[in-house]
Amino acid sequence: MPATVSIVIPVYRSEESLDALVTRILAVFESRDDRVEIVLVDDLSPDGSWEKLKRLKESHPESLKIARLLTNSGQHNAILCGFSIATGDIVVTMDDDLQNPPEEIPKLVSAVESGFDLAIGAYDSKKHGRARNAGGGLIDRIQRGIFHLPADFQLTSFRAAKRVVVEHVCGMGGAFPYVTSMLLSNASSYTNVPVRHDPRPFGRSNYNMRRSLSLASNLIFSYSNYPVYAVAFACAGALLFSILYGAFVLIRASTQGTGIPGWASTVVILTFFNAVVLLCILIFSIYLARLSQQVTRSRVQYAVREIHE
């Protein structure tokens, strides 16, 4: 029985590109044995994207599944919503702006069919703007460090994964998801697949440096122990400093006698240790706030307003 390939696409401000995107995906699978299922999740776009999706659903009722989120929840939550709807043996994720060419999808599917749990597209050259490339580079470096990936391993939103990996990702939960890290956490084998990256034909990217820094912060606090290590090193450094300074004071007192203690050195030492304590409190407070949001469900991943399967 031919396999089913699910294409999960988060949609935001992409009214102009949706017709061409769906048409090109369907054209790719016309000559293939596997069946395609296109899952489009509208992240409460302020333009006419949802109306366009409903018209596309009417034109291709068997091939499309569409959903609209109740609130703007971000790209990663939209993808997780798509994962929960998708039923394919292989699940592909791609952007909605036509920068990920649909004609490259078979390359990713073939890599998964050959045995890899996860295949991630590696662009020949990125056609993003400078700000997005800089922000994306920062996030990629963090992820490569967390998962001990090679320095030249590319991490992009154009990827394909086995069904079992996607199912485990859906079971992870968490109020601050990052899909690439969630996929890597559940994949035992992964590879880069060279793919083309096209210029954006419509509009402009919704990403900026502020959003990239926010994603980097989310990645560090949700999928790594780096902040805890930072606290540990800060405390160890403060302890070492206090031991060395205490030894210096004792040696000086025994060799030169005691004198009137210096006001400046006392202020410097107190300021240093107070800064270390405040840093530790800040980092633990961030963890506590995130834990509280998840336990009390004051922040949830996503909520679906409307769905058509």
C-alpha atoms as a PDB file:
ATOM      1  CA  MET A   1       0.000   0.000   0.000  1.00  0.00           C
ATOM      2  CA  PRO A   2       1.466   3.397  -0.978  1.00  0.00           C
ATOM      3  CA  ALA A   3       2.649   5.564   1.915  1.00  0.00           C
ATOM      4  CA  THR A   4       0.937   8.816   2.810  1.00  0.00           C
ATOM      5  CA  VAL A   5       3.025  11.967   3.055  1.00  0.00           C
ATOM      6  CA  SER A   6       1.638  14.769   5.210  1.00  0.00           C
ATOM      7  CA  ILE A   7       2.827  18.297   4.451  1.00  0.00           C
ATOM      8  CA  VAL A   8       2.355  20.516   7.525  1.00  0.00           C
ATOM      9  CA  ILE A   9       2.464  24.245   6.803  1.00  0.00           C
ATOM     10  CA  PRO A  10       1.950  27.058   9.348  1.00  0.00           C
ATOM     11  CA  VAL A  11       0.166  29.970   7.689  1.00  0.00           C
ATOM     12  CA  TYR A  12       0.518  33.648   8.593  1.00  0.00           C
ATOM     13  CA  ARG A  13       0.035  36.638   6.289  1.00  0.00           C
ATOM     14  CA  SER A  14       0.444  34.447   3.191  1.00  0.00           C
ATOM     15  CA  GLU A  15      -2.756  35.111   1.277  1.00  0.00           C
ATOM     16  CA  GLU A  16      -0.832  35.807  -1.951  1.00  0.00           C
ATOM     17  CA  SER A  17       1.300  32.653  -1.952  1.00  0.00           C
ATOM     18  CA  LEU A  18      -1.227  29.952  -0.949  1.00  0.00           C
ATOM     19  CA  ASP A  19      -2.677  29.249  -4.398  1.00  0.00           C
ATOM     20  CA  ALA A  20       0.739  28.655  -5.968  1.00  0.00           C
ATOM     21  CA  LEU A  21       1.964  26.705  -2.933  1.00  0.00           C
ATOM     22  CA  VAL A  22      -0.898  24.193  -2.961  1.00  0.00           C
ATOM     23  CA  THR A  23      -0.872  23.868  -6.776  1.00  0.00           C
ATOM     24  CA  ARG A  24       2.866  23.133  -6.855  1.00  0.00           C
ATOM     25  CA  ILE A  25       2.670  20.568  -4.023  1.00  0.00           C
ATOM     26  CA  LEU A  26      -0.168  18.689  -5.733  1.00  0.00           C
ATOM     27  CA  ALA A  27       1.730  18.770  -9.042  1.00  0.00           C
ATOM     28  CA  VAL A  28       4.759  17.157  -7.377  1.00  0.00           C
ATOM     29  CA  PHE A  29       2.699  14.191  -6.179  1.00  0.00           C
ATOM     30  CA  GLU A  30       0.715  13.658  -9.386  1.00  0.00           C
ATOM     31  CA  SER A  31       3.445  11.394 -10.767  1.00  0.00           C
ATOM     32  CA  ARG A  32       4.272   9.651  -7.468  1.00  0.00           C
ATOM     33  CA  ASP A  33       2.833   6.496  -5.942  1.00  0.00           C
ATOM     34  CA  ASP A  34       2.537   7.924  -2.423  1.00  0.00           C
ATOM     35  CA  ARG A  35      -0.544   9.920  -1.459  1.00  0.00           C
ATOM     36  CA  VAL A  36      -0.224  13.520  -0.245  1.00  0.00           C
ATOM     37  CA  GLU A  37      -2.119  15.176   2.591  1.00  0.00           C
ATOM     38  CA  ILE A  38      -1.628  18.934   2.933  1.00  0.00           C
ATOM     39  CA  VAL A  39      -2.280  20.288   6.440  1.00  0.00           C
ATOM     40  CA  LEU A  40      -2.450  24.098   6.610  1.00  0.00           C
ATOM     41  CA  VAL A  41      -2.787  25.793  10.003  1.00  0.00           C
ATOM     42  CA  ASP A  42      -3.703  29.477  10.040  1.00  0.00           C
ATOM     43  CA  ASP A  43      -2.110  31.233  13.021  1.00  0.00           C
ATOM     44  CA  LEU A  44      -4.945  33.787  13.184  1.00  0.00           C
ATOM     45  CA  SER A  45      -3.625  35.769  10.210  1.00  0.00           C
ATOM     46  CA  PRO A  46      -4.917  39.360  10.038  1.00  0.00           C
ATOM     47  CA  ASP A  47      -5.176  39.202   6.228  1.00  0.00           C
ATOM     48  CA  GLY A  48      -7.426  37.027   4.050  1.00  0.00           C
ATOM     49  CA  SER A  49      -5.399  33.830   4.478  1.00  0.00           C
ATOM     50  CA  TRP A  50      -8.211  31.914   6.209  1.00  0.00           C
ATOM     51  CA  GLU A  51     -10.758  32.765   3.528  1.00  0.00           C
ATOM     52  CA  LYS A  52      -8.261  31.657   0.893  1.00  0.00           C
ATOM     53  CA  LEU A  53      -7.703  28.388   2.753  1.00  0.00           C
ATOM     54  CA  LYS A  54     -11.441  27.676   2.843  1.00  0.00           C
ATOM     55  CA  ARG A  55     -11.679  28.222  -0.912  1.00  0.00           C
ATOM     56  CA  LEU A  56      -8.732  25.906  -1.499  1.00  0.00           C
ATOM     57  CA  LYS A  57     -10.366  23.289   0.724  1.00  0.00           C
ATOM     58  CA  GLU A  58     -13.504  23.460  -1.441  1.00  0.00           C
ATOM     59  CA  SER A  59     -11.379  22.968  -4.569  1.00  0.00           C
ATOM     60  CA  HIS A  60      -9.319  20.086  -3.134  1.00  0.00           C
ATOM     61  CA  PRO A  61     -11.473  18.467  -0.426  1.00  0.00           C
ATOM     62  CA  GLU A  62      -9.623  15.125  -0.434  1.00  0.00           C
ATOM     63  CA  SER A  63      -6.083  16.525  -0.306  1.00  0.00           C
ATOM     64  CA  LEU A  64      -6.362  19.425   2.150  1.00  0.00           C
ATOM     65  CA  LYS A  65      -6.965  19.702   5.870  1.00  0.00           C
ATOM     66  CA  ILE A  66      -7.203  23.215   7.293  1.00  0.00           C
ATOM     67  CA  ALA A  67      -7.371  24.618  10.809  1.00  0.00           C
ATOM     68  CA  ARG A  68      -7.422  28.063  12.376  1.00  0.00           C
ATOM     69  CA  LEU A  69      -6.035  28.787  15.835  1.00  0.00           C
ATOM     70  CA  LEU A  70      -8.070  30.688  18.410  1.00  0.00           C
ATOM     71  CA  THR A  71      -5.208  33.096  19.154  1.00  0.00           C
ATOM     72  CA  ASN A  72      -1.938  33.967  17.461  1.00  0.00           C
ATOM     73  CA  SER A  73       0.259  31.304  19.045  1.00  0.00           C
ATOM     74  CA  GLY A  74       3.404  31.379  16.922  1.00  0.00           C
ATOM     75  CA  GLN A  75       4.862  29.235  14.161  1.00  0.00           C
ATOM     76  CA  HIS A  76       5.929  26.351  16.390  1.00  0.00           C
ATOM     77  CA  ASN A  77       2.521  25.948  18.013  1.00  0.00           C
ATOM     78  CA  ALA A  78       0.898  26.066  14.582  1.00  0.00           C
ATOM     79  CA  ILE A  79       3.189  23.240  13.452  1.00  0.00           C
ATOM     80  CA  LEU A  80       2.313  21.184  16.551  1.00  0.00           C
ATOM     81  CA  CYS A  81      -1.363  21.678  15.758  1.00  0.00           C
ATOM     82  CA  GLY A  82      -0.640  20.402  12.243  1.00  0.00           C
ATOM     83  CA  PHE A  83       1.193  17.394  13.681  1.00  0.00           C
ATOM     84  CA  SER A  84      -1.894  16.479  15.710  1.00  0.00           C
ATOM     85  CA  ILE A  85      -4.028  16.533  12.557  1.00  0.00           C
ATOM     86  CA  ALA A  86      -1.604  14.834  10.167  1.00  0.00           C
ATOM     87  CA  THR A  87      -1.963  11.103   9.565  1.00  0.00           C
ATOM     88  CA  GLY A  88       0.884  10.442   7.133  1.00  0.00           C
ATOM     89  CA  ASP A  89       3.627   7.841   7.477  1.00  0.00           C
ATOM     90  CA  ILE A  90       6.116  10.628   6.744  1.00  0.00           C
ATOM     91  CA  VAL A  91       5.486  14.198   7.906  1.00  0.00           C
ATOM     92  CA  VAL A  92       7.105  17.153   6.147  1.00  0.00           C
ATOM     93  CA  THR A  93       7.212  20.717   7.473  1.00  0.00           C
ATOM     94  CA  MET A  94       7.794  23.739   5.278  1.00  0.00           C
ATOM     95  CA  ASP A  95       7.173  27.492   5.204  1.00  0.00           C
ATOM     96  CA  ASP A  96       4.214  29.158   3.541  1.00  0.00           C
ATOM     97  CA  ASP A  97       6.149  31.810   1.609  1.00  0.00           C
ATOM     98  CA  LEU A  98       7.390  29.649  -1.339  1.00  0.00           C
ATOM     99  CA  GLN A  99      11.007  29.944  -0.234  1.00  0.00           C
ATOM    100  CA  ASN A 100      10.913  26.170   0.354  1.00  0.00           C
ATOM    101  CA  PRO A 101      10.316  24.841  -3.191  1.00  0.00           C
ATOM    102  CA  PRO A 102       7.692  22.050  -3.190  1.00  0.00           C
ATOM    103  CA  GLU A 103       9.712  20.348  -5.938  1.00  0.00           C
ATOM    104  CA  GLU A 104      12.404  19.583  -3.313  1.00  0.00           C
ATOM    105  CA  ILE A 105      10.021  17.622  -1.036  1.00  0.00           C
ATOM    106  CA  PRO A 106      10.805  14.211  -2.639  1.00  0.00           C
ATOM    107  CA  LYS A 107      14.470  14.573  -1.619  1.00  0.00           C
ATOM    108  CA  LEU A 108      13.503  14.803   2.062  1.00  0.00           C
ATOM    109  CA  VAL A 109      10.954  12.000   1.744  1.00  0.00           C
ATOM    110  CA  SER A 110      13.544   9.734   0.094  1.00  0.00           C
ATOM    111  CA  ALA A 111      16.001  10.322   2.947  1.00  0.00           C
ATOM    112  CA  VAL A 112      13.407   9.209   5.512  1.00  0.00           C
ATOM    113  CA  GLU A 113      12.417   6.243   3.367  1.00  0.00           C
ATOM    114  CA  SER A 114      16.083   5.202   3.282  1.00  0.00           C
ATOM    115  CA  GLY A 115      16.057   4.788   7.068  1.00  0.00           C
ATOM    116  CA  PHE A 116      16.677   8.163   8.727  1.00  0.00           C
ATOM    117  CA  ASP A 117      14.283   9.260  11.468  1.00  0.00           C
ATOM    118  CA  LEU A 118      14.686  12.903  10.509  1.00  0.00           C
ATOM    119  CA  ALA A 119      15.865  14.655   7.336  1.00  0.00           C
ATOM    120  CA  ILE A 120      16.553  18.394   7.479  1.00  0.00           C
ATOM    121  CA  GLY A 121      16.982  20.526   4.390  1.00  0.00           C
ATOM    122  CA  ALA A 122      20.379  22.198   3.945  1.00  0.00           C
ATOM    123  CA  TYR A 123      20.108  25.310   1.795  1.00  0.00           C
ATOM    124  CA  ASP A 124      22.613  25.916  -0.981  1.00  0.00           C
ATOM    125  CA  SER A 125      22.408  29.614  -0.059  1.00  0.00           C
ATOM    126  CA  LYS A 126      19.924  31.310   2.243  1.00  0.00           C
ATOM    127  CA  LYS A 127      17.751  33.974   0.642  1.00  0.00           C
ATOM    128  CA  HIS A 128      16.617  35.527   3.940  1.00  0.00           C
ATOM    129  CA  GLY A 129      17.407  39.088   4.949  1.00  0.00           C
ATOM    130  CA  ARG A 130      20.480  39.897   7.025  1.00  0.00           C
ATOM    131  CA  ALA A 131      18.603  40.252  10.309  1.00  0.00           C
ATOM    132  CA  ARG A 132      16.895  36.879   9.961  1.00  0.00           C
ATOM    133  CA  ASN A 133      20.129  35.172   8.871  1.00  0.00           C
ATOM    134  CA  ALA A 134      21.935  36.622  11.904  1.00  0.00           C
ATOM    135  CA  GLY A 135      19.163  35.608  14.302  1.00  0.00           C
ATOM    136  CA  GLY A 136      18.828  32.177  12.723  1.00  0.00           C
ATOM    137  CA  GLY A 137      22.581  31.659  12.941  1.00  0.00           C
ATOM    138  CA  LEU A 138      22.507  32.390  16.678  1.00  0.00           C
ATOM    139  CA  ILE A 139      19.684  29.906  17.267  1.00  0.00           C
ATOM    140  CA  ASP A 140      21.393  27.243  15.140  1.00  0.00           C
ATOM    141  CA  ARG A 141      24.647  27.589  17.097  1.00  0.00           C
ATOM    142  CA  ILE A 142      22.763  27.086  20.365  1.00  0.00           C
ATOM    143  CA  GLN A 143      20.973  23.996  19.041  1.00  0.00           C
ATOM    144  CA  ARG A 144      24.175  22.499  17.654  1.00  0.00           C
ATOM    145  CA  GLY A 145      25.724  22.902  21.084  1.00  0.00           C
ATOM    146  CA  ILE A 146      22.746  21.357  22.894  1.00  0.00           C
ATOM    147  CA  PHE A 147      22.563  18.309  20.614  1.00  0.00           C
ATOM    148  CA  HIS A 148      26.320  18.018  19.901  1.00  0.00           C
ATOM    149  CA  LEU A 149      25.842  18.402  16.160  1.00  0.00           C
ATOM    150  CA  PRO A 150      28.682  19.012  13.670  1.00  0.00           C
ATOM    151  CA  ALA A 151      29.567  22.661  13.153  1.00  0.00           C
ATOM    152  CA  ASP A 152      28.418  22.554   9.519  1.00  0.00           C
ATOM    153  CA  PHE A 153      25.071  20.845  10.221  1.00  0.00           C
ATOM    154  CA  GLN A 154      22.205  23.043   9.007  1.00  0.00           C
ATOM    155  CA  LEU A 155      18.938  23.384  10.918  1.00  0.00           C
ATOM    156  CA  THR A 156      16.016  24.673   8.883  1.00  0.00           C
ATOM    157  CA  SER A 157      12.220  24.565   8.929  1.00  0.00           C
ATOM    158  CA  PHE A 158      12.192  22.430   5.754  1.00  0.00           C
ATOM    159  CA  ARG A 159      12.339  18.862   7.102  1.00  0.00           C
ATOM    160  CA  ALA A 160      10.749  15.406   7.040  1.00  0.00           C
ATOM    161  CA  ALA A 161      10.295  12.951   9.905  1.00  0.00           C
ATOM    162  CA  LYS A 162       8.931   9.475  10.509  1.00  0.00           C
ATOM    163  CA  ARG A 163       5.449   9.218  11.952  1.00  0.00           C
ATOM    164  CA  VAL A 164       6.729   7.714  15.203  1.00  0.00           C
ATOM    165  CA  VAL A 165       8.991  10.724  15.805  1.00  0.00           C
ATOM    166  CA  VAL A 166       6.096  13.139  15.264  1.00  0.00           C
ATOM    167  CA  GLU A 167       3.873  11.166  17.645  1.00  0.00           C
ATOM    168  CA  HIS A 168       6.475  11.445  20.414  1.00  0.00           C
ATOM    169  CA  VAL A 169       6.853  15.169  19.722  1.00  0.00           C
ATOM    170  CA  CYS A 170       3.097  15.621  20.149  1.00  0.00           C
ATOM    171  CA  GLY A 171       3.327  13.842  23.498  1.00  0.00           C
ATOM    172  CA  MET A 172       6.048  16.139  24.876  1.00  0.00           C
ATOM    173  CA  GLY A 173       3.753  19.012  25.810  1.00  0.00           C
ATOM    174  CA  GLY A 174       5.244  22.210  27.201  1.00  0.00           C
ATOM    175  CA  ALA A 175       4.114  25.817  26.970  1.00  0.00           C
ATOM    176  CA  PHE A 176       7.248  26.972  25.113  1.00  0.00           C
ATOM    177  CA  PRO A 177       7.764  24.571  22.175  1.00  0.00           C
ATOM    178  CA  TYR A 178      10.622  24.643  19.682  1.00  0.00           C
ATOM    179  CA  VAL A 179       9.881  22.089  16.980  1.00  0.00           C
ATOM    180  CA  THR A 180      13.410  21.471  15.666  1.00  0.00           C
ATOM    181  CA  SER A 181      14.693  20.679  19.154  1.00  0.00           C
ATOM    182  CA  MET A 182      11.659  18.502  19.865  1.00  0.00           C
ATOM    183  CA  LEU A 183      12.277  16.502  16.691  1.00  0.00           C
ATOM    184  CA  LEU A 184      15.988  16.112  17.441  1.00  0.00           C
ATOM    185  CA  SER A 185      15.148  14.954  20.981  1.00  0.00           C
ATOM    186  CA  ASN A 186      13.119  12.062  19.563  1.00  0.00           C
ATOM    187  CA  ALA A 187      15.229  11.087  16.536  1.00  0.00           C
ATOM    188  CA  SER A 188      18.068   8.591  16.806  1.00  0.00           C
ATOM    189  CA  SER A 189      19.312   9.211  13.255  1.00  0.00           C
ATOM    190  CA  TYR A 190      19.208  12.396  11.232  1.00  0.00           C
ATOM    191  CA  THR A 191      20.811  13.844   8.144  1.00  0.00           C
ATOM    192  CA  ASN A 192      21.114  16.998   6.073  1.00  0.00           C
ATOM    193  CA  VAL A 193      19.642  16.927   2.574  1.00  0.00           C
ATOM    194  CA  PRO A 194      20.807  19.599   0.085  1.00  0.00           C
ATOM    195  CA  VAL A 195      17.796  21.604  -1.113  1.00  0.00           C
ATOM    196  CA  ARG A 196      17.193  24.846  -2.968  1.00  0.00           C
ATOM    197  CA  HIS A 197      16.116  28.014  -1.167  1.00  0.00           C
ATOM    198  CA  ASP A 198      14.256  30.538  -3.297  1.00  0.00           C
ATOM    199  CA  PRO A 199      13.833  34.289  -2.812  1.00  0.00           C
ATOM    200  CA  ARG A 200      10.584  35.365  -1.175  1.00  0.00           C
ATOM    201  CA  PRO A 201       8.175  36.356  -3.995  1.00  0.00           C
ATOM    202  CA  PHE A 202       5.574  38.122  -1.821  1.00  0.00           C
ATOM    203  CA  GLY A 203       5.698  40.428   1.185  1.00  0.00           C
ATOM    204  CA  ARG A 204       8.450  40.293   3.782  1.00  0.00           C
ATOM    205  CA  SER A 205       9.476  38.021   6.609  1.00  0.00           C
ATOM    206  CA  ASN A 206       7.686  38.263   9.966  1.00  0.00           C
ATOM    207  CA  TYR A 207      10.959  37.542  11.783  1.00  0.00           C
ATOM    208  CA  ASN A 208      13.238  40.214  13.210  1.00  0.00           C
ATOM    209  CA  MET A 209      16.166  40.267  15.626  1.00  0.00           C
ATOM    210  CA  ARG A 210      13.920  40.770  18.663  1.00  0.00           C
ATOM    211  CA  ARG A 211      11.877  37.696  17.804  1.00  0.00           C
ATOM    212  CA  SER A 212      15.043  35.689  17.138  1.00  0.00           C
ATOM    213  CA  LEU A 213      16.445  36.640  20.549  1.00  0.00           C
ATOM    214  CA  SER A 214      13.150  35.636  22.155  1.00  0.00           C
ATOM    215  CA  LEU A 215      13.316  32.243  20.419  1.00  0.00           C
ATOM    216  CA  ALA A 216      16.945  31.838  21.501  1.00  0.00           C
ATOM    217  CA  SER A 217      15.965  32.545  25.117  1.00  0.00           C
ATOM    218  CA  ASN A 218      13.091  30.069  24.869  1.00  0.00           C
ATOM    219  CA  LEU A 219      15.438  27.454  23.401  1.00  0.00           C
ATOM    220  CA  ILE A 220      18.042  27.898  26.142  1.00  0.00           C
ATOM    221  CA  PHE A 221      15.608  27.758  29.059  1.00  0.00           C
ATOM    222  CA  SER A 222      13.380  24.973  27.685  1.00  0.00           C
ATOM    223  CA  TYR A 223      15.799  22.558  26.029  1.00  0.00           C
ATOM    224  CA  SER A 224      19.159  22.983  27.740  1.00  0.00           C
ATOM    225  CA  ASN A 225      20.749  23.208  31.176  1.00  0.00           C
ATOM    226  CA  TYR A 226      22.980  26.120  30.189  1.00  0.00           C
ATOM    227  CA  PRO A 227      21.410  28.609  32.665  1.00  0.00           C
ATOM    228  CA  VAL A 228      21.851  26.128  35.531  1.00  0.00           C
ATOM    229  CA  TYR A 229      25.466  25.600  34.505  1.00  0.00           C
ATOM    230  CA  ALA A 230      25.930  29.385  34.428  1.00  0.00           C
ATOM    231  CA  VAL A 231      24.641  29.637  37.999  1.00  0.00           C
ATOM    232  CA  ALA A 232      26.909  26.778  39.075  1.00  0.00           C
ATOM    233  CA  PHE A 233      29.979  28.385  37.506  1.00  0.00           C
ATOM    234  CA  ALA A 234      29.095  31.798  38.978  1.00  0.00           C
ATOM    235  CA  CYS A 235      28.725  30.304  42.455  1.00  0.00           C
ATOM    236  CA  ALA A 236      31.938  28.282  42.074  1.00  0.00           C
ATOM    237  CA  GLY A 237      33.771  31.388  40.890  1.00  0.00           C
ATOM    238  CA  ALA A 238      32.456  33.410  43.819  1.00  0.00           C
ATOM    239  CA  LEU A 239      33.489  30.669  46.264  1.00  0.00           C
ATOM    240  CA  LEU A 240      36.974  30.456  44.758  1.00  0.00           C
ATOM    241  CA  PHE A 241      37.324  34.227  44.897  1.00  0.00           C
ATOM    242  CA  SER A 242      36.266  34.340  48.556  1.00  0.00           C
ATOM    243  CA  ILE A 243      38.727  31.548  49.482  1.00  0.00           C
ATOM    244  CA  LEU A 244      41.618  33.228  47.681  1.00  0.00           C
ATOM    245  CA  TYR A 245      40.815  36.642  49.098  1.00  0.00           C
ATOM    246  CA  GLY A 246      40.404  35.186  52.594  1.00  0.00           C
ATOM    247  CA  ALA A 247      43.788  33.467  52.290  1.00  0.00           C
ATOM    248  CA  PHE A 248      45.336  36.739  51.106  1.00  0.00           C
ATOM    249  CA  VAL A 249      43.918  38.622  54.109  1.00  0.00           C
ATOM    250  CA  LEU A 250      45.157  35.989  56.601  1.00  0.00           C
ATOM    251  CA  ILE A 251      48.656  35.908  55.089  1.00  0.00           C
ATOM    252  CA  ARG A 252      48.867  39.688  55.051  1.00  0.00           C
ATOM    253  CA  ALA A 253      47.627  39.903  58.662  1.00  0.00           C
ATOM    254  CA  SER A 254      50.174  37.340  59.869  1.00  0.00           C
ATOM    255  CA  THR A 255      53.107  38.968  58.063  1.00  0.00           C
ATOM    256  CA  GLN A 256      52.294  42.680  58.283  1.00  0.00           C
ATOM    257  CA  GLY A 257      49.855  42.816  61.158  1.00  0.00           C
ATOM    258  CA  THR A 258      46.313  44.095  61.074  1.00  0.00           C
ATOM    259  CA  GLY A 259      45.336  47.561  60.101  1.00  0.00           C
ATOM    260  CA  ILE A 260      42.242  49.606  59.528  1.00  0.00           C
ATOM    261  CA  PRO A 261      40.126  47.770  56.923  1.00  0.00           C
ATOM    262  CA  GLY A 262      39.629  49.566  53.616  1.00  0.00           C
ATOM    263  CA  TRP A 263      36.194  50.878  52.799  1.00  0.00           C
ATOM    264  CA  ALA A 264      36.634  50.578  48.985  1.00  0.00           C
ATOM    265  CA  SER A 265      37.605  46.890  49.021  1.00  0.00           C
ATOM    266  CA  THR A 266      34.665  46.080  51.314  1.00  0.00           C
ATOM    267  CA  VAL A 267      32.196  47.792  48.968  1.00  0.00           C
ATOM    268  CA  VAL A 268      33.669  46.026  45.913  1.00  0.00           C
ATOM    269  CA  ILE A 269      33.428  42.590  47.554  1.00  0.00           C
ATOM    270  CA  LEU A 270      29.855  43.148  48.763  1.00  0.00           C
ATOM    271  CA  THR A 271      28.796  44.414  45.336  1.00  0.00           C
ATOM    272  CA  PHE A 272      30.348  41.400  43.615  1.00  0.00           C
ATOM    273  CA  PHE A 273      28.643  38.826  45.827  1.00  0.00           C
ATOM    274  CA  ASN A 274      25.290  40.645  45.687  1.00  0.00           C
ATOM    275  CA  ALA A 275      25.486  40.602  41.874  1.00  0.00           C
ATOM    276  CA  VAL A 276      26.149  36.849  41.885  1.00  0.00           C
ATOM    277  CA  VAL A 277      23.210  36.226  44.231  1.00  0.00           C
ATOM    278  CA  LEU A 278      20.866  38.390  42.123  1.00  0.00           C
ATOM    279  CA  LEU A 279      21.941  36.578  38.943  1.00  0.00           C
ATOM    280  CA  CYS A 280      21.130  33.222  40.529  1.00  0.00           C
ATOM    281  CA  ILE A 281      17.763  34.462  41.774  1.00  0.00           C
ATOM    282  CA  LEU A 282      16.919  35.854  38.311  1.00  0.00           C
ATOM    283  CA  ILE A 283      17.672  32.588  36.506  1.00  0.00           C
ATOM    284  CA  PHE A 284      15.777  30.456  39.011  1.00  0.00           C
ATOM    285  CA  SER A 285      12.860  32.910  38.887  1.00  0.00           C
ATOM    286  CA  ILE A 286      12.596  32.440  35.111  1.00  0.00           C
ATOM    287  CA  TYR A 287      12.470  28.675  35.563  1.00  0.00           C
ATOM    288  CA  LEU A 288       9.875  29.028  38.341  1.00  0.00           C
ATOM    289  CA  ALA A 289       7.686  31.334  36.233  1.00  0.00           C
ATOM    290  CA  ARG A 290       7.772  28.906  33.293  1.00  0.00           C
ATOM    291  CA  LEU A 291       6.949  25.986  35.576  1.00  0.00           C
ATOM    292  CA  SER A 292       4.049  27.923  37.095  1.00  0.00           C
ATOM    293  CA  GLN A 293       2.645  28.779  33.653  1.00  0.00           C
ATOM    294  CA  GLN A 294       2.728  25.134  32.644  1.00  0.00           C
ATOM    295  CA  VAL A 295       1.286  23.725  35.880  1.00  0.00           C
ATOM    296  CA  THR A 296      -1.524  26.281  36.169  1.00  0.00           C
ATOM    297  CA  ARG A 297      -2.079  26.243  32.370  1.00  0.00           C
ATOM    298  CA  SER A 298      -2.132  30.034  32.347  1.00  0.00           C
ATOM    299  CA  ARG A 299      -0.218  29.606  29.079  1.00  0.00           C
ATOM    300  CA  VAL A 300      -1.153  26.760  26.731  1.00  0.00           C
ATOM    301  CA  GLN A 301       0.420  25.635  23.468  1.00  0.00           C
ATOM    302  CA  TYR A 302      -2.529  26.417  21.207  1.00  0.00           C
ATOM    303  CA  ALA A 303      -6.306  26.285  20.942  1.00  0.00           C
ATOM    304  CA  VAL A 304      -8.176  25.524  17.724  1.00  0.00           C
ATOM    305  CA  ARG A 305     -10.951  27.895  16.655  1.00  0.00           C
ATOM    306  CA  GLU A 306     -12.059  26.029  13.528  1.00  0.00           C
ATOM    307  CA  ILE A 307     -11.002  22.897  11.646  1.00  0.00           C
ATOM    308  CA  HIS A 308     -11.984  21.271   8.350  1.00  0.00           C
ATOM    309  CA  GLU A 309     -10.596  17.776   7.747  1.00  0.00           C
END
